[in-house]
Amino acid sequence: MASVDCSYSIKGSGPAVFFVHGIGARKTSWNEVCKYLEKDFTCISYDLRGHGDSSKGVLPYSLEDLVDDLETLRQKLNIQKIHIVGHSLGGMIGPAYALSFPENVISVSLLSTAAFRTTEDKNKVQAVLASMREKGIGPILTTLAERWFTDKFIKERFTDVEFRLQQVLETDPEVFLDVFRIYAETEMSPWLNKIKHPCLVLTGENDGGCSPRLNHLIAGSLSNSDLCILKNYRHSLLIEAPHEVGERVREFLLKQSEIN
């Protein structure tokens, strides 16, 4: 399938970092995180196909399509070497890109993503997908919020939670379900060990679907990785913990800049 033209935003200056969001999110999801990086890096965030201001393309999508979109954007911007920071589904697109285009990559940061799922893990994520297909996306928004945010954040910052859920509702339901399918079906364990680039593996302590258990296995399979577990948080780290995420990603990227 042909790549699509993705809407993007560029801030800051320095080595290029591409930020890849997750299911039903937007390039703006990275705004708060990028504030910690713009002084040292060129921060490029973009809307995945079918999200935000990007073209929809033709359904169904594949992980390879999403990788090709990133490569098309890299070529369009004429940037040789890139760091990739991906969250959730974006944390699958990043390493998949590094596998297909290793010569273009300096480092990969995998935030709140999953691999090495057990049969029970797979059944749980497939059950969520099946429920959305049967009942629609709206009825499970409360469940998503409880999986994504801590109880404290939901209570104190519900406007921010509502904004994230509204992004989901504004995403074409066919697109949302299709990219959720890619997230549910993708299993990186057979090929993660082929990635030799420096990698940051980061997740929330209480992220049920992208748990520390899975992320320990992800980090262990990568030949050059740093593992970071953020205490107390769940899945939506970009919204609930941008300071912690921004500082840790910045520290990791600066270390790679010193090495290179």
Protein backbone atom coordinates (compact mmCIF):
# COMPACT_ATOMS: atom_id res chain seq x y z
CA MET A 1 0.00 0.00 0.00
CA ALA A 2 1.25 3.49 -0.79
CA SER A 3 2.38 5.72 2.06
CA VAL A 4 0.24 8.73 2.95
CA ASP A 5 1.09 12.37 3.52
CA CYS A 6 1.24 12.86 7.28
CA SER A 7 0.67 16.21 8.98
CA TYR A 8 3.65 17.18 11.13
CA SER A 9 5.03 19.81 13.49
CA ILE A 10 8.66 20.85 14.00
CA LYS A 11 10.02 22.56 17.10
CA GLY A 12 13.50 23.21 18.46
CA SER A 13 16.94 22.64 16.94
CA GLY A 14 19.62 19.97 17.04
CA PRO A 15 19.64 16.26 16.15
CA ALA A 16 16.27 15.11 14.77
CA VAL A 17 13.85 13.20 16.97
CA PHE A 18 10.63 11.78 15.47
CA PHE A 19 7.79 11.35 17.97
CA VAL A 20 5.21 8.66 17.14
CA HIS A 21 1.91 8.70 19.04
CA GLY A 22 -0.45 5.84 19.86
CA ILE A 23 -4.00 4.77 19.04
CA GLY A 24 -6.48 7.60 18.58
CA ALA A 25 -3.99 10.23 19.74
CA ARG A 26 -2.47 13.22 17.90
CA LYS A 27 0.89 14.84 17.24
CA THR A 28 -0.04 17.40 19.90
CA SER A 29 0.11 14.60 22.50
CA TRP A 30 3.87 15.21 22.57
CA ASN A 31 3.73 18.98 23.17
CA GLU A 32 4.44 18.89 26.90
CA VAL A 33 7.17 16.25 26.57
CA CYS A 34 8.87 18.18 23.77
CA LYS A 35 9.23 21.25 25.99
CA TYR A 36 12.02 19.38 27.79
CA LEU A 37 13.81 18.54 24.55
CA GLU A 38 13.44 21.51 22.20
CA LYS A 39 16.58 23.24 23.46
CA ASP A 40 18.80 20.33 22.42
CA PHE A 41 16.88 18.54 19.67
CA THR A 42 14.72 19.14 16.60
CA CYS A 43 11.40 17.64 17.71
CA ILE A 44 9.24 16.32 14.87
CA SER A 45 5.81 15.00 15.85
CA TYR A 46 3.27 13.83 13.31
CA ASP A 47 -0.28 12.49 13.04
CA LEU A 48 -0.47 8.83 12.07
CA ARG A 49 -2.50 8.10 8.95
CA GLY A 50 -6.21 8.47 9.64
CA HIS A 51 -5.51 10.62 12.71
CA GLY A 52 -5.72 14.37 13.20
CA ASP A 53 -4.81 16.26 10.03
CA SER A 54 -3.19 13.34 8.18
CA SER A 55 -4.70 11.61 5.15
CA LYS A 56 -6.72 8.49 5.84
CA GLY A 57 -5.36 6.25 3.12
CA VAL A 58 -6.96 2.89 2.42
CA LEU A 59 -8.05 0.47 5.13
CA PRO A 60 -7.04 -1.99 6.43
CA TYR A 61 -3.63 -0.74 7.52
CA SER A 62 -0.58 -2.79 8.41
CA LEU A 63 2.36 -2.09 10.72
CA GLU A 64 4.47 -1.90 7.54
CA ASP A 65 2.22 0.90 6.20
CA LEU A 66 2.82 2.91 9.37
CA VAL A 67 6.57 2.31 9.06
CA ASP A 68 6.50 3.44 5.43
CA ASP A 69 4.70 6.66 6.41
CA LEU A 70 7.53 7.48 8.82
CA GLU A 71 10.14 6.80 6.14
CA THR A 72 8.24 8.98 3.65
CA LEU A 73 8.22 11.84 6.15
CA ARG A 74 11.95 11.41 6.87
CA GLN A 75 12.69 11.60 3.15
CA LYS A 76 10.38 14.60 2.70
CA LEU A 77 12.24 16.49 5.42
CA ASN A 78 15.59 15.35 3.99
CA ILE A 79 16.94 14.21 7.35
CA GLN A 80 19.65 11.57 7.28
CA LYS A 81 19.81 10.10 10.79
CA ILE A 82 17.00 10.09 13.34
CA HIS A 83 16.12 9.23 16.89
CA ILE A 84 12.63 7.70 17.25
CA VAL A 85 10.45 8.02 20.35
CA GLY A 86 7.20 6.04 20.19
CA HIS A 87 4.36 5.60 22.69
CA SER A 88 2.08 2.53 22.82
CA LEU A 89 1.45 1.60 19.15
CA GLY A 90 4.17 4.16 18.36
CA GLY A 91 6.46 2.02 20.52
CA MET A 92 5.92 -0.76 17.98
CA ILE A 93 6.29 1.45 14.90
CA GLY A 94 9.68 2.74 16.13
CA PRO A 95 11.46 -0.62 16.47
CA ALA A 96 9.76 -1.92 13.31
CA TYR A 97 11.17 1.09 11.46
CA ALA A 98 14.63 0.41 12.93
CA LEU A 99 14.40 -3.17 11.70
CA SER A 100 13.49 -2.08 8.14
CA PHE A 101 15.74 1.00 7.91
CA PRO A 102 18.59 0.43 10.39
CA GLU A 103 20.96 2.74 8.54
CA ASN A 104 18.70 5.74 9.27
CA VAL A 105 18.38 5.24 13.01
CA ILE A 106 20.49 6.50 15.92
CA SER A 107 18.29 5.30 18.78
CA VAL A 108 14.79 4.08 19.60
CA SER A 109 12.71 4.86 22.70
CA LEU A 110 9.89 2.41 23.38
CA LEU A 111 7.37 3.98 25.77
CA SER A 112 4.41 2.09 27.24
CA THR A 113 4.42 -0.68 24.67
CA ALA A 114 4.02 -4.47 24.70
CA ALA A 115 5.77 -7.62 23.51
CA PHE A 116 6.17 -11.17 24.84
CA ARG A 117 2.44 -11.29 25.62
CA THR A 118 1.26 -14.55 27.17
CA THR A 119 -1.90 -16.23 25.91
CA GLU A 120 -3.75 -14.56 28.79
CA ASP A 121 -2.33 -11.15 27.81
CA LYS A 122 -3.38 -11.66 24.20
CA ASN A 123 -6.86 -12.76 25.21
CA LYS A 124 -7.34 -9.65 27.35
CA VAL A 125 -6.41 -7.19 24.61
CA GLN A 126 -8.45 -9.12 22.04
CA ALA A 127 -11.43 -9.02 24.41
CA VAL A 128 -11.24 -5.21 24.54
CA LEU A 129 -11.13 -5.09 20.74
CA ALA A 130 -14.07 -7.50 20.45
CA SER A 131 -16.10 -5.44 22.93
CA MET A 132 -15.50 -2.25 20.93
CA ARG A 133 -16.49 -3.97 17.69
CA GLU A 134 -19.69 -5.26 19.29
CA LYS A 135 -20.78 -2.29 21.41
CA GLY A 136 -19.00 0.64 19.78
CA ILE A 137 -16.12 2.72 21.13
CA GLY A 138 -18.18 5.15 23.24
CA PRO A 139 -19.38 2.61 25.84
CA ILE A 140 -15.84 1.53 26.73
CA LEU A 141 -14.38 5.03 27.18
CA THR A 142 -14.66 4.77 30.97
CA THR A 143 -12.74 1.50 30.86
CA LEU A 144 -10.05 3.11 28.69
CA ALA A 145 -9.74 6.06 31.06
CA GLU A 146 -9.30 3.73 34.04
CA ARG A 147 -6.61 1.78 32.16
CA TRP A 148 -4.80 4.90 30.99
CA PHE A 149 -4.85 7.24 34.00
CA THR A 150 -4.37 6.97 37.75
CA ASP A 151 -7.44 7.46 39.95
CA LYS A 152 -5.84 10.61 41.39
CA PHE A 153 -5.35 12.17 37.95
CA ILE A 154 -8.92 11.33 36.89
CA LYS A 155 -10.21 13.01 40.04
CA GLU A 156 -7.97 16.10 39.92
CA ARG A 157 -7.47 16.63 36.17
CA PHE A 158 -10.63 15.28 34.59
CA THR A 159 -10.61 18.00 31.92
CA ASP A 160 -7.33 16.55 30.59
CA VAL A 161 -8.81 13.05 30.68
CA GLU A 162 -11.89 14.23 28.79
CA PHE A 163 -9.69 15.90 26.17
CA ARG A 164 -7.87 12.59 25.53
CA LEU A 165 -11.14 10.67 25.31
CA GLN A 166 -12.52 13.28 22.92
CA GLN A 167 -9.55 12.59 20.61
CA VAL A 168 -10.66 8.97 20.55
CA LEU A 169 -14.23 9.94 19.68
CA GLU A 170 -13.02 12.29 16.92
CA THR A 171 -11.00 9.51 15.30
CA ASP A 172 -12.82 7.66 12.52
CA PRO A 173 -14.14 4.51 14.31
CA GLU A 174 -12.94 2.31 11.44
CA VAL A 175 -9.45 3.76 11.79
CA PHE A 176 -9.46 3.46 15.58
CA LEU A 177 -10.51 -0.19 15.50
CA ASP A 178 -8.01 -0.98 12.75
CA VAL A 179 -4.99 0.51 14.50
CA PHE A 180 -6.14 -1.10 17.75
CA ARG A 181 -6.15 -4.40 15.82
CA ILE A 182 -2.53 -3.76 14.73
CA TYR A 183 -1.58 -3.04 18.35
CA ALA A 184 -3.36 -6.21 19.52
CA GLU A 185 -1.92 -8.48 16.82
CA THR A 186 1.67 -7.22 16.68
CA GLU A 187 4.18 -9.43 18.49
CA MET A 188 7.69 -8.02 18.43
CA SER A 189 9.41 -10.84 20.35
CA PRO A 190 10.56 -12.81 17.25
CA TRP A 191 12.61 -9.90 15.91
CA LEU A 192 13.42 -7.45 18.72
CA ASN A 193 16.82 -9.07 19.28
CA LYS A 194 17.81 -8.03 15.74
CA ILE A 195 17.74 -4.37 16.75
CA LYS A 196 21.24 -3.29 17.74
CA HIS A 197 20.58 0.43 18.20
CA PRO A 198 20.60 1.95 21.70
CA CYS A 199 17.07 1.70 23.11
CA LEU A 200 15.21 3.24 26.02
CA VAL A 201 12.42 1.04 27.37
CA LEU A 202 10.03 2.93 29.65
CA THR A 203 6.61 2.20 31.11
CA GLY A 204 4.38 2.96 34.07
CA GLU A 205 4.49 0.76 37.16
CA ASN A 206 0.73 0.16 37.01
CA ASP A 207 0.24 -0.07 33.24
CA GLY A 208 -1.85 -3.22 32.89
CA GLY A 209 -1.45 -3.85 29.15
CA CYS A 210 2.16 -2.67 28.84
CA SER A 211 3.30 -3.91 32.22
CA PRO A 212 6.75 -3.83 33.82
CA ARG A 213 6.77 -7.62 33.42
CA LEU A 214 6.55 -7.31 29.63
CA ASN A 215 8.94 -4.38 29.51
CA HIS A 216 11.61 -6.26 31.47
CA LEU A 217 11.39 -8.92 28.76
CA ILE A 218 11.57 -6.27 26.02
CA ALA A 219 14.67 -4.70 27.56
CA GLY A 220 16.25 -8.10 28.06
CA SER A 221 15.81 -9.01 24.41
CA LEU A 222 17.50 -5.83 23.16
CA SER A 223 21.30 -5.92 23.07
CA ASN A 224 21.71 -2.27 24.11
CA SER A 225 18.88 -1.01 26.31
CA ASP A 226 18.08 1.12 29.36
CA LEU A 227 14.96 0.20 31.33
CA CYS A 228 12.94 2.75 33.30
CA ILE A 229 9.76 2.04 35.29
CA LEU A 230 7.89 5.16 36.41
CA LYS A 231 6.31 4.56 39.81
CA ASN A 232 2.54 4.75 40.28
CA TYR A 233 1.67 5.68 36.67
CA ARG A 234 -0.48 3.78 34.19
CA HIS A 235 -0.53 4.11 30.39
CA SER A 236 -1.04 7.75 29.44
CA LEU A 237 2.40 8.96 30.50
CA LEU A 238 2.57 11.73 27.91
CA ILE A 239 -0.40 13.47 29.51
CA GLU A 240 -0.01 12.54 33.16
CA ALA A 241 3.78 12.49 33.51
CA PRO A 242 5.32 14.68 30.76
CA HIS A 243 8.00 16.01 33.10
CA GLU A 244 9.26 12.55 34.10
CA VAL A 245 9.05 11.27 30.53
CA GLY A 246 10.68 14.38 29.05
CA GLU A 247 13.58 14.34 31.50
CA ARG A 248 14.31 10.64 31.05
CA VAL A 249 14.08 10.74 27.27
CA ARG A 250 16.25 13.87 27.19
CA GLU A 251 18.87 12.23 29.41
CA PHE A 252 18.90 9.13 27.20
CA LEU A 253 19.14 11.11 23.94
CA LEU A 254 21.90 13.36 25.24
CA LYS A 255 23.87 10.26 26.19
CA GLN A 256 23.55 8.98 22.61
CA SER A 257 24.69 12.36 21.28
CA GLU A 258 27.83 12.15 23.43
CA ILE A 259 28.56 8.62 22.16
CA ASN A 260 28.04 9.63 18.53
